Amino acid sequence: MANIGKAPCHEGVILSDLADRSATGRQSWALAAAILGSSMAFIDATVVNVALPALHSALHATISEMQWVMECYSLSLVLPLTGGSLV
């Protein structure tokens, strides 16, 4: 308990701090890429929602068929993002 507040004097502690900083830079890029990918999925889903009335009239589809269109399109965007996060 007497060491609380003292600066690290061990070389290993100082070097591990430098290694943590370089890893933080890579994690920031990964976070930015994940946010960008999620944003693109949201924007694409919005575009499909706007196009649904035109698809409905052009294809003479039922409401349940249009829901299938939206769900399939959303899954095609979400599954690659999920798979990429697992790698």
PDB file of N, CA and C in Angstrom:
ATOM      1  N   MET A   1       0.806  -1.192   0.000  1.00  0.00           N
ATOM      2  CA  MET A   1       0.000   0.000   0.000  1.00  0.00           C
ATOM      3  C   MET A   1       0.851   1.259   0.000  1.00  0.00           C
ATOM      4  N   ALA A   2       2.125   1.132   0.375  1.00  0.00           N
ATOM      5  CA  ALA A   2       2.979   2.310   0.451  1.00  0.00           C
ATOM      6  C   ALA A   2       3.396   2.791  -0.931  1.00  0.00           C
ATOM      7  N   ASN A   3       3.232   1.963  -1.996  1.00  0.00           N
ATOM      8  CA  ASN A   3       3.660   2.343  -3.345  1.00  0.00           C
ATOM      9  C   ASN A   3       2.587   3.097  -4.138  1.00  0.00           C
ATOM     10  N   ILE A   4       1.448   3.344  -3.570  1.00  0.00           N
ATOM     11  CA  ILE A   4       0.380   4.037  -4.289  1.00  0.00           C
ATOM     12  C   ILE A   4       0.801   5.477  -4.560  1.00  0.00           C
ATOM     13  N   GLY A   5       0.674   5.877  -5.826  1.00  0.00           N
ATOM     14  CA  GLY A   5       1.004   7.245  -6.198  1.00  0.00           C
ATOM     15  C   GLY A   5       2.448   7.447  -6.630  1.00  0.00           C
ATOM     16  N   LYS A   6       3.298   6.428  -6.485  1.00  0.00           N
ATOM     17  CA  LYS A   6       4.688   6.571  -6.904  1.00  0.00           C
ATOM     18  C   LYS A   6       4.818   6.262  -8.386  1.00  0.00           C
ATOM     19  N   ALA A   7       5.759   6.916  -9.041  1.00  0.00           N
ATOM     20  CA  ALA A   7       6.013   6.693 -10.459  1.00  0.00           C
ATOM     21  C   ALA A   7       6.661   5.323 -10.653  1.00  0.00           C
ATOM     22  N   PRO A   8       6.392   4.639 -11.786  1.00  0.00           N
ATOM     23  CA  PRO A   8       7.018   3.341 -12.022  1.00  0.00           C
ATOM     24  C   PRO A   8       8.518   3.523 -12.247  1.00  0.00           C
ATOM     25  N   CYS A   9       9.282   2.659 -11.631  1.00  0.00           N
ATOM     26  CA  CYS A   9      10.725   2.763 -11.789  1.00  0.00           C
ATOM     27  C   CYS A   9      11.295   1.514 -12.454  1.00  0.00           C
ATOM     28  N   HIS A  10      10.458   0.595 -12.821  1.00  0.00           N
ATOM     29  CA  HIS A  10      10.901  -0.633 -13.447  1.00  0.00           C
ATOM     30  C   HIS A  10      10.856  -0.470 -14.960  1.00  0.00           C
ATOM     31  N   GLU A  11      11.920  -0.835 -15.650  1.00  0.00           N
ATOM     32  CA  GLU A  11      12.008  -0.654 -17.101  1.00  0.00           C
ATOM     33  C   GLU A  11      10.912  -1.430 -17.832  1.00  0.00           C
ATOM     34  N   GLY A  12      10.567  -2.605 -17.341  1.00  0.00           N
ATOM     35  CA  GLY A  12       9.519  -3.400 -17.974  1.00  0.00           C
ATOM     36  C   GLY A  12       8.170  -2.701 -17.955  1.00  0.00           C
ATOM     37  N   VAL A  13       7.882  -1.991 -16.871  1.00  0.00           N
ATOM     38  CA  VAL A  13       6.613  -1.266 -16.776  1.00  0.00           C
ATOM     39  C   VAL A  13       6.588  -0.127 -17.785  1.00  0.00           C
ATOM     40  N   ILE A  14       7.689   0.561 -17.926  1.00  0.00           N
ATOM     41  CA  ILE A  14       7.759   1.677 -18.876  1.00  0.00           C
ATOM     42  C   ILE A  14       7.636   1.168 -20.308  1.00  0.00           C
ATOM     43  N   LEU A  15       8.317   0.085 -20.651  1.00  0.00           N
ATOM     44  CA  LEU A  15       8.246  -0.460 -22.002  1.00  0.00           C
ATOM     45  C   LEU A  15       6.867  -1.023 -22.307  1.00  0.00           C
ATOM     46  N   SER A  16       6.220  -1.621 -21.338  1.00  0.00           N
ATOM     47  CA  SER A  16       4.877  -2.152 -21.583  1.00  0.00           C
ATOM     48  C   SER A  16       3.891  -1.019 -21.846  1.00  0.00           C
ATOM     49  N   ASP A  17       4.108   0.139 -21.241  1.00  0.00           N
ATOM     50  CA  ASP A  17       3.257   1.298 -21.496  1.00  0.00           C
ATOM     51  C   ASP A  17       3.399   1.757 -22.946  1.00  0.00           C
ATOM     52  N   LEU A  18       4.624   1.733 -23.483  1.00  0.00           N
ATOM     53  CA  LEU A  18       4.837   2.112 -24.882  1.00  0.00           C
ATOM     54  C   LEU A  18       4.182   1.114 -25.823  1.00  0.00           C
ATOM     55  N   ALA A  19       4.210  -0.159 -25.488  1.00  0.00           N
ATOM     56  CA  ALA A  19       3.573  -1.173 -26.325  1.00  0.00           C
ATOM     57  C   ALA A  19       2.057  -0.998 -26.308  1.00  0.00           C
ATOM     58  N   ASP A  20       1.502  -0.625 -25.161  1.00  0.00           N
ATOM     59  CA  ASP A  20       0.058  -0.405 -25.065  1.00  0.00           C
ATOM     60  C   ASP A  20      -0.382   0.767 -25.930  1.00  0.00           C
ATOM     61  N   ARG A  21       0.451   1.793 -26.026  1.00  0.00           N
ATOM     62  CA  ARG A  21       0.094   2.958 -26.845  1.00  0.00           C
ATOM     63  C   ARG A  21       0.033   2.601 -28.321  1.00  0.00           C
ATOM     64  N   SER A  22       0.956   1.754 -28.816  1.00  0.00           N
ATOM     65  CA  SER A  22       0.921   1.380 -30.227  1.00  0.00           C
ATOM     66  C   SER A  22      -0.269   0.478 -30.523  1.00  0.00           C
ATOM     67  N   ALA A  23      -0.652  -0.355 -29.579  1.00  0.00           N
ATOM     68  CA  ALA A  23      -1.832  -1.201 -29.766  1.00  0.00           C
ATOM     69  C   ALA A  23      -3.099  -0.358 -29.770  1.00  0.00           C
ATOM     70  N   THR A  24      -3.121   0.719 -29.015  1.00  0.00           N
ATOM     71  CA  THR A  24      -4.288   1.586 -28.967  1.00  0.00           C
ATOM     72  C   THR A  24      -4.533   2.243 -30.316  1.00  0.00           C
ATOM     73  N   GLY A  25      -3.482   2.575 -31.041  1.00  0.00           N
ATOM     74  CA  GLY A  25      -3.633   3.160 -32.373  1.00  0.00           C
ATOM     75  C   GLY A  25      -4.287   2.192 -33.338  1.00  0.00           C
ATOM     76  N   ARG A  26      -3.896   0.924 -33.279  1.00  0.00           N
ATOM     77  CA  ARG A  26      -4.506  -0.093 -34.145  1.00  0.00           C
ATOM     78  C   ARG A  26      -5.952  -0.335 -33.759  1.00  0.00           C
ATOM     79  N   GLN A  27      -6.238  -0.315 -32.472  1.00  0.00           N
ATOM     80  CA  GLN A  27      -7.610  -0.518 -32.020  1.00  0.00           C
ATOM     81  C   GLN A  27      -8.498   0.642 -32.455  1.00  0.00           C
ATOM     82  N   SER A  28      -7.943   1.841 -32.494  1.00  0.00           N
ATOM     83  CA  SER A  28      -8.720   2.991 -32.933  1.00  0.00           C
ATOM     84  C   SER A  28      -9.118   2.853 -34.398  1.00  0.00           C
ATOM     85  N   TRP A  29      -8.183   2.375 -35.238  1.00  0.00           N
ATOM     86  CA  TRP A  29      -8.500   2.174 -36.653  1.00  0.00           C
ATOM     87  C   TRP A  29      -9.549   1.080 -36.817  1.00  0.00           C
ATOM     88  N   ALA A  30      -9.455   0.026 -36.027  1.00  0.00           N
ATOM     89  CA  ALA A  30     -10.445  -1.048 -36.106  1.00  0.00           C
ATOM     90  C   ALA A  30     -11.819  -0.542 -35.672  1.00  0.00           C
ATOM     91  N   LEU A  31     -11.863   0.272 -34.640  1.00  0.00           N
ATOM     92  CA  LEU A  31     -13.122   0.844 -34.186  1.00  0.00           C
ATOM     93  C   LEU A  31     -13.715   1.763 -35.248  1.00  0.00           C
ATOM     94  N   ALA A  32     -12.881   2.575 -35.864  1.00  0.00           N
ATOM     95  CA  ALA A  32     -13.360   3.476 -36.915  1.00  0.00           C
ATOM     96  C   ALA A  32     -13.910   2.688 -38.102  1.00  0.00           C
ATOM     97  N   ALA A  33     -13.250   1.600 -38.472  1.00  0.00           N
ATOM     98  CA  ALA A  33     -13.727   0.775 -39.582  1.00  0.00           C
ATOM     99  C   ALA A  33     -15.051   0.112 -39.239  1.00  0.00           C
ATOM    100  N   ALA A  34     -15.211  -0.338 -38.007  1.00  0.00           N
ATOM    101  CA  ALA A  34     -16.472  -0.959 -37.587  1.00  0.00           C
ATOM    102  C   ALA A  34     -17.608   0.050 -37.575  1.00  0.00           C
ATOM    103  N   ILE A  35     -17.336   1.245 -37.117  1.00  0.00           N
ATOM    104  CA  ILE A  35     -18.363   2.294 -37.106  1.00  0.00           C
ATOM    105  C   ILE A  35     -18.750   2.673 -38.525  1.00  0.00           C
ATOM    106  N   LEU A  36     -17.771   2.782 -39.418  1.00  0.00           N
ATOM    107  CA  LEU A  36     -18.052   3.112 -40.812  1.00  0.00           C
ATOM    108  C   LEU A  36     -18.876   2.016 -41.473  1.00  0.00           C
ATOM    109  N   GLY A  37     -18.542   0.771 -41.224  1.00  0.00           N
ATOM    110  CA  GLY A  37     -19.302  -0.346 -41.790  1.00  0.00           C
ATOM    111  C   GLY A  37     -20.729  -0.385 -41.278  1.00  0.00           C
ATOM    112  N   SER A  38     -20.908  -0.159 -39.997  1.00  0.00           N
ATOM    113  CA  SER A  38     -22.257  -0.135 -39.428  1.00  0.00           C
ATOM    114  C   SER A  38     -23.064   1.035 -39.980  1.00  0.00           C
ATOM    115  N   SER A  39     -22.420   2.162 -40.161  1.00  0.00           N
ATOM    116  CA  SER A  39     -23.112   3.320 -40.725  1.00  0.00           C
ATOM    117  C   SER A  39     -23.553   3.055 -42.151  1.00  0.00           C
ATOM    118  N   MET A  40     -22.702   2.398 -42.918  1.00  0.00           N
ATOM    119  CA  MET A  40     -23.064   2.076 -44.299  1.00  0.00           C
ATOM    120  C   MET A  40     -24.243   1.102 -44.334  1.00  0.00           C
ATOM    121  N   ALA A  41     -24.283   0.154 -43.431  1.00  0.00           N
ATOM    122  CA  ALA A  41     -25.414  -0.784 -43.361  1.00  0.00           C
ATOM    123  C   ALA A  41     -26.697  -0.033 -43.041  1.00  0.00           C
ATOM    124  N   PHE A  42     -26.639   0.922 -42.143  1.00  0.00           N
ATOM    125  CA  PHE A  42     -27.811   1.713 -41.791  1.00  0.00           C
ATOM    126  C   PHE A  42     -28.284   2.545 -42.975  1.00  0.00           C
ATOM    127  N   ILE A  43     -27.360   3.183 -43.670  1.00  0.00           N
ATOM    128  CA  ILE A  43     -27.720   4.009 -44.833  1.00  0.00           C
ATOM    129  C   ILE A  43     -28.315   3.147 -45.934  1.00  0.00           C
ATOM    130  N   ASP A  44     -27.722   1.979 -46.187  1.00  0.00           N
ATOM    131  CA  ASP A  44     -28.260   1.092 -47.220  1.00  0.00           C
ATOM    132  C   ASP A  44     -29.663   0.611 -46.873  1.00  0.00           C
ATOM    133  N   ALA A  45     -29.900   0.293 -45.624  1.00  0.00           N
ATOM    134  CA  ALA A  45     -31.240  -0.142 -45.211  1.00  0.00           C
ATOM    135  C   ALA A  45     -32.243   0.989 -45.382  1.00  0.00           C
ATOM    136  N   THR A  46     -31.834   2.210 -45.130  1.00  0.00           N
ATOM    137  CA  THR A  46     -32.709   3.361 -45.327  1.00  0.00           C
ATOM    138  C   THR A  46     -33.062   3.525 -46.800  1.00  0.00           C
ATOM    139  N   VAL A  47     -32.091   3.332 -47.681  1.00  0.00           N
ATOM    140  CA  VAL A  47     -32.344   3.437 -49.117  1.00  0.00           C
ATOM    141  C   VAL A  47     -33.347   2.383 -49.565  1.00  0.00           C
ATOM    142  N   VAL A  48     -33.220   1.168 -49.067  1.00  0.00           N
ATOM    143  CA  VAL A  48     -34.160   0.108 -49.435  1.00  0.00           C
ATOM    144  C   VAL A  48     -35.558   0.430 -48.902  1.00  0.00           C
ATOM    145  N   ASN A  49     -35.650   0.972 -47.703  1.00  0.00           N
ATOM    146  CA  ASN A  49     -36.956   1.358 -47.161  1.00  0.00           C
ATOM    147  C   ASN A  49     -37.623   2.424 -48.031  1.00  0.00           C
ATOM    148  N   VAL A  50     -36.854   3.346 -48.538  1.00  0.00           N
ATOM    149  CA  VAL A  50     -37.409   4.383 -49.405  1.00  0.00           C
ATOM    150  C   VAL A  50     -37.863   3.775 -50.738  1.00  0.00           C
ATOM    151  N   ALA A  51     -37.144   2.770 -51.225  1.00  0.00           N
ATOM    152  CA  ALA A  51     -37.468   2.155 -52.514  1.00  0.00           C
ATOM    153  C   ALA A  51     -38.575   1.115 -52.429  1.00  0.00           C
ATOM    154  N   LEU A  52     -38.978   0.713 -51.243  1.00  0.00           N
ATOM    155  CA  LEU A  52     -39.995  -0.338 -51.109  1.00  0.00           C
ATOM    156  C   LEU A  52     -41.321  -0.025 -51.804  1.00  0.00           C
ATOM    157  N   PRO A  53     -41.856   1.180 -51.724  1.00  0.00           N
ATOM    158  CA  PRO A  53     -43.110   1.436 -52.449  1.00  0.00           C
ATOM    159  C   PRO A  53     -42.977   1.254 -53.964  1.00  0.00           C
ATOM    160  N   ALA A  54     -41.859   1.666 -54.521  1.00  0.00           N
ATOM    161  CA  ALA A  54     -41.653   1.480 -55.958  1.00  0.00           C
ATOM    162  C   ALA A  54     -41.500  -0.001 -56.299  1.00  0.00           C
ATOM    163  N   LEU A  55     -40.801  -0.735 -55.467  1.00  0.00           N
ATOM    164  CA  LEU A  55     -40.678  -2.177 -55.683  1.00  0.00           C
ATOM    165  C   LEU A  55     -42.036  -2.860 -55.557  1.00  0.00           C
ATOM    166  N   HIS A  56     -42.818  -2.412 -54.608  1.00  0.00           N
ATOM    167  CA  HIS A  56     -44.143  -2.993 -54.375  1.00  0.00           C
ATOM    168  C   HIS A  56     -45.040  -2.831 -55.607  1.00  0.00           C
ATOM    169  N   SER A  57     -45.028  -1.649 -56.178  1.00  0.00           N
ATOM    170  CA  SER A  57     -45.891  -1.425 -57.346  1.00  0.00           C
ATOM    171  C   SER A  57     -45.327  -2.083 -58.602  1.00  0.00           C
ATOM    172  N   ALA A  58     -44.028  -2.122 -58.753  1.00  0.00           N
ATOM    173  CA  ALA A  58     -43.433  -2.709 -59.959  1.00  0.00           C
ATOM    174  C   ALA A  58     -43.530  -4.234 -59.966  1.00  0.00           C
ATOM    175  N   LEU A  59     -43.400  -4.855 -58.815  1.00  0.00           N
ATOM    176  CA  LEU A  59     -43.411  -6.316 -58.737  1.00  0.00           C
ATOM    177  C   LEU A  59     -44.782  -6.886 -58.383  1.00  0.00           C
ATOM    178  N   HIS A  60     -45.732  -6.010 -58.050  1.00  0.00           N
ATOM    179  CA  HIS A  60     -47.061  -6.447 -57.622  1.00  0.00           C
ATOM    180  C   HIS A  60     -46.950  -7.477 -56.485  1.00  0.00           C
ATOM    181  N   ALA A  61     -46.141  -7.134 -55.504  1.00  0.00           N
ATOM    182  CA  ALA A  61     -45.859  -8.042 -54.389  1.00  0.00           C
ATOM    183  C   ALA A  61     -46.779  -7.742 -53.213  1.00  0.00           C
ATOM    184  N   THR A  62     -46.919  -8.735 -52.365  1.00  0.00           N
ATOM    185  CA  THR A  62     -47.696  -8.547 -51.143  1.00  0.00           C
ATOM    186  C   THR A  62     -46.814  -7.896 -50.080  1.00  0.00           C
ATOM    187  N   ILE A  63     -47.451  -7.499 -48.990  1.00  0.00           N
ATOM    188  CA  ILE A  63     -46.707  -6.871 -47.896  1.00  0.00           C
ATOM    189  C   ILE A  63     -45.699  -7.844 -47.294  1.00  0.00           C
ATOM    190  N   SER A  64     -46.090  -9.103 -47.131  1.00  0.00           N
ATOM    191  CA  SER A  64     -45.162 -10.078 -46.548  1.00  0.00           C
ATOM    192  C   SER A  64     -43.968 -10.323 -47.482  1.00  0.00           C
ATOM    193  N   GLU A  65     -44.194 -10.297 -48.778  1.00  0.00           N
ATOM    194  CA  GLU A  65     -43.067 -10.454 -49.711  1.00  0.00           C
ATOM    195  C   GLU A  65     -42.128  -9.259 -49.655  1.00  0.00           C
ATOM    196  N   MET A  66     -42.677  -8.080 -49.450  1.00  0.00           N
ATOM    197  CA  MET A  66     -41.821  -6.890 -49.320  1.00  0.00           C
ATOM    198  C   MET A  66     -41.024  -6.941 -48.018  1.00  0.00           C
ATOM    199  N   GLN A  67     -41.640  -7.502 -46.992  1.00  0.00           N
ATOM    200  CA  GLN A  67     -40.906  -7.661 -45.732  1.00  0.00           C
ATOM    201  C   GLN A  67     -39.751  -8.636 -45.915  1.00  0.00           C
ATOM    202  N   TRP A  68     -39.970  -9.701 -46.686  1.00  0.00           N
ATOM    203  CA  TRP A  68     -38.890 -10.635 -46.977  1.00  0.00           C
ATOM    204  C   TRP A  68     -37.759  -9.952 -47.739  1.00  0.00           C
ATOM    205  N   VAL A  69     -38.107  -9.086 -48.660  1.00  0.00           N
ATOM    206  CA  VAL A  69     -37.075  -8.344 -49.409  1.00  0.00           C
ATOM    207  C   VAL A  69     -36.215  -7.538 -48.450  1.00  0.00           C
ATOM    208  N   MET A  70     -36.879  -6.816 -47.545  1.00  0.00           N
ATOM    209  CA  MET A  70     -36.139  -5.979 -46.592  1.00  0.00           C
ATOM    210  C   MET A  70     -35.276  -6.812 -45.654  1.00  0.00           C
ATOM    211  N   GLU A  71     -35.821  -7.908 -45.153  1.00  0.00           N
ATOM    212  CA  GLU A  71     -35.069  -8.749 -44.217  1.00  0.00           C
ATOM    213  C   GLU A  71     -33.871  -9.406 -44.895  1.00  0.00           C
ATOM    214  N   CYS A  72     -34.055  -9.887 -46.101  1.00  0.00           N
ATOM    215  CA  CYS A  72     -32.936 -10.521 -46.823  1.00  0.00           C
ATOM    216  C   CYS A  72     -31.838  -9.516 -47.129  1.00  0.00           C
ATOM    217  N   TYR A  73     -32.234  -8.320 -47.504  1.00  0.00           N
ATOM    218  CA  TYR A  73     -31.236  -7.287 -47.785  1.00  0.00           C
ATOM    219  C   TYR A  73     -30.483  -6.914 -46.512  1.00  0.00           C
ATOM    220  N   SER A  74     -31.193  -6.792 -45.403  1.00  0.00           N
ATOM    221  CA  SER A  74     -30.531  -6.452 -44.143  1.00  0.00           C
ATOM    222  C   SER A  74     -29.575  -7.556 -43.701  1.00  0.00           C
ATOM    223  N   LEU A  75     -29.977  -8.805 -43.867  1.00  0.00           N
ATOM    224  CA  LEU A  75     -29.088  -9.912 -43.502  1.00  0.00           C
ATOM    225  C   LEU A  75     -27.838  -9.938 -44.373  1.00  0.00           C
ATOM    226  N   SER A  76     -27.994  -9.593 -45.637  1.00  0.00           N
ATOM    227  CA  SER A  76     -26.818  -9.588 -46.518  1.00  0.00           C
ATOM    228  C   SER A  76     -25.827  -8.506 -46.114  1.00  0.00           C
ATOM    229  N   LEU A  77     -26.277  -7.488 -45.408  1.00  0.00           N
ATOM    230  CA  LEU A  77     -25.369  -6.448 -44.932  1.00  0.00           C
ATOM    231  C   LEU A  77     -24.808  -6.754 -43.551  1.00  0.00           C
ATOM    232  N   VAL A  78     -25.602  -7.386 -42.703  1.00  0.00           N
ATOM    233  CA  VAL A  78     -25.189  -7.610 -41.317  1.00  0.00           C
ATOM    234  C   VAL A  78     -24.247  -8.799 -41.189  1.00  0.00           C
ATOM    235  N   LEU A  79     -24.474  -9.849 -41.937  1.00  0.00           N
ATOM    236  CA  LEU A  79     -23.645 -11.050 -41.792  1.00  0.00           C
ATOM    237  C   LEU A  79     -22.168 -10.818 -42.105  1.00  0.00           C
ATOM    238  N   PRO A  80     -21.797 -10.075 -43.155  1.00  0.00           N
ATOM    239  CA  PRO A  80     -20.367  -9.799 -43.357  1.00  0.00           C
ATOM    240  C   PRO A  80     -19.755  -8.976 -42.222  1.00  0.00           C
ATOM    241  N   LEU A  81     -20.536  -8.050 -41.659  1.00  0.00           N
ATOM    242  CA  LEU A  81     -20.013  -7.273 -40.528  1.00  0.00           C
ATOM    243  C   LEU A  81     -19.768  -8.163 -39.316  1.00  0.00           C
ATOM    244  N   THR A  82     -20.695  -9.057 -39.064  1.00  0.00           N
ATOM    245  CA  THR A  82     -20.542  -9.987 -37.939  1.00  0.00           C
ATOM    246  C   THR A  82     -19.369 -10.928 -38.168  1.00  0.00           C
ATOM    247  N   GLY A  83     -19.270 -11.454 -39.373  1.00  0.00           N
ATOM    248  CA  GLY A  83     -18.151 -12.350 -39.691  1.00  0.00           C
ATOM    249  C   GLY A  83     -16.808 -11.649 -39.594  1.00  0.00           C
ATOM    250  N   GLY A  84     -16.759 -10.395 -40.017  1.00  0.00           N
ATOM    251  CA  GLY A  84     -15.520  -9.626 -39.916  1.00  0.00           C
ATOM    252  C   GLY A  84     -15.111  -9.359 -38.486  1.00  0.00           C
ATOM    253  N   SER A  85     -16.077  -9.199 -37.607  1.00  0.00           N
ATOM    254  CA  SER A  85     -15.744  -8.943 -36.199  1.00  0.00           C
ATOM    255  C   SER A  85     -15.254 -10.215 -35.506  1.00  0.00           C
ATOM    256  N   LEU A  86     -15.633 -11.380 -36.037  1.00  0.00           N
ATOM    257  CA  LEU A  86     -15.201 -12.636 -35.434  1.00  0.00           C
ATOM    258  C   LEU A  86     -13.771 -13.012 -35.826  1.00  0.00           C
ATOM    259  N   VAL A  87     -13.265 -12.436 -36.887  1.00  0.00           N
ATOM    260  CA  VAL A  87     -11.916 -12.797 -37.376  1.00  0.00           C
ATOM    261  C   VAL A  87     -10.853 -12.244 -36.507  1.00  0.00           C
TER     262      VAL A  87
END
